[in-house]
Protein backbone atom coordinates (compact mmCIF):
# COMPACT_ATOMS: atom_id res chain seq x y z
CA MET A 1 1.52 -14.98 24.56
CA SER A 2 2.95 -12.48 22.09
CA LYS A 3 1.22 -11.61 18.85
CA VAL A 4 3.13 -12.10 15.59
CA ARG A 5 3.09 -8.96 13.46
CA ASN A 6 2.78 -9.28 9.68
CA GLN A 7 5.56 -7.80 7.59
CA PHE A 8 4.59 -6.95 4.01
CA THR A 9 7.16 -6.19 1.34
CA THR A 10 6.99 -3.00 -0.68
CA GLU A 11 6.45 -5.12 -3.80
CA PHE A 12 3.45 -6.86 -2.23
CA LYS A 13 1.95 -3.51 -1.21
CA GLN A 14 2.53 -2.13 -4.72
CA GLU A 15 0.75 -5.13 -6.26
CA CYS A 16 -2.22 -4.68 -3.93
CA VAL A 17 -2.44 -0.96 -4.67
CA ASN A 18 -2.12 -1.66 -8.41
CA LEU A 19 -5.13 -3.95 -8.27
CA VAL A 20 -7.21 -1.16 -6.76
CA VAL A 21 -5.88 1.89 -8.60
CA ASN A 22 -5.06 0.55 -12.06
CA GLN A 23 -7.13 -2.62 -12.37
CA GLY A 24 -10.34 -1.20 -10.89
CA TYR A 25 -10.99 -3.72 -8.12
CA GLY A 26 -12.56 -2.59 -4.88
CA ILE A 27 -10.45 -2.14 -1.77
CA ALA A 28 -12.47 -4.69 0.21
CA GLN A 29 -12.32 -7.17 -2.66
CA VAL A 30 -8.52 -6.93 -2.93
CA ALA A 31 -8.07 -7.07 0.84
CA SER A 32 -10.06 -10.29 0.97
CA ALA A 33 -8.34 -11.87 -2.04
CA MET A 34 -4.85 -10.99 -0.80
CA GLN A 35 -5.70 -11.94 2.80
CA VAL A 36 -4.84 -8.50 4.14
CA GLY A 37 -6.80 -6.45 6.63
CA LEU A 38 -9.11 -3.81 5.18
CA SER A 39 -7.42 -1.06 7.21
CA PHE A 40 -4.04 -2.01 5.70
CA MET A 41 -5.43 -1.74 2.18
CA GLN A 42 -7.10 1.58 2.90
CA ARG A 43 -3.84 2.95 4.34
CA TRP A 44 -1.75 1.72 1.40
CA VAL A 45 -4.11 3.10 -1.23
CA GLY A 46 -4.37 6.41 0.61
CA GLN A 47 -0.59 6.65 0.90
CA TYR A 48 -0.17 5.89 -2.80
CA LYS A 49 -2.68 8.59 -3.77
CA GLN A 50 -0.82 11.11 -1.60
CA GLU A 51 2.51 10.11 -3.13
CA ILE A 52 1.33 10.68 -6.69
CA LYS A 53 0.27 14.17 -5.57
CA GLY A 54 3.86 14.76 -4.42
CA VAL A 55 3.41 14.33 -0.67
CA THR A 56 6.39 12.60 0.95
CA PRO A 57 5.13 9.68 3.08
CA LEU A 58 6.12 8.95 6.66
CA ALA A 59 6.26 5.21 5.90
CA ARG A 60 8.23 3.43 3.15
CA ALA A 61 7.37 5.00 -0.21
CA PHE A 62 5.50 3.14 -2.96
CA THR A 63 6.27 5.20 -6.03
CA PRO A 64 9.77 5.20 -7.54
CA GLU A 65 9.87 9.01 -7.42
CA GLN A 66 9.20 9.08 -3.69
CA GLN A 67 11.63 6.21 -3.09
CA ARG A 68 14.41 8.31 -4.69
CA ILE A 69 13.52 11.37 -2.58
CA LYS A 70 13.19 9.63 0.79
CA PRO A 71 16.54 8.78 2.43
C-alpha cells in the first residue's frame, strides 16, 4: 500500500510561518492547530529565517524577494 504525501501550498506555509514569526505563537502550537507535523513547521520557520537573512533556499521560497531571485 502506497503512502499519500501531503502537498502544502506556498500560501499555506506562509500563513503558518506568519503565525509563529509575526503573531508570536509557538511552533508546536501552530503545528497542532494547523494539523501539520512539527518537523514541517520547524523546517518552514527555519527556511523563512534564512531567507530574510538573504540566503537563497533550496526549496520553494517564502519571501517575495527570494521568489523573484529564484528561477
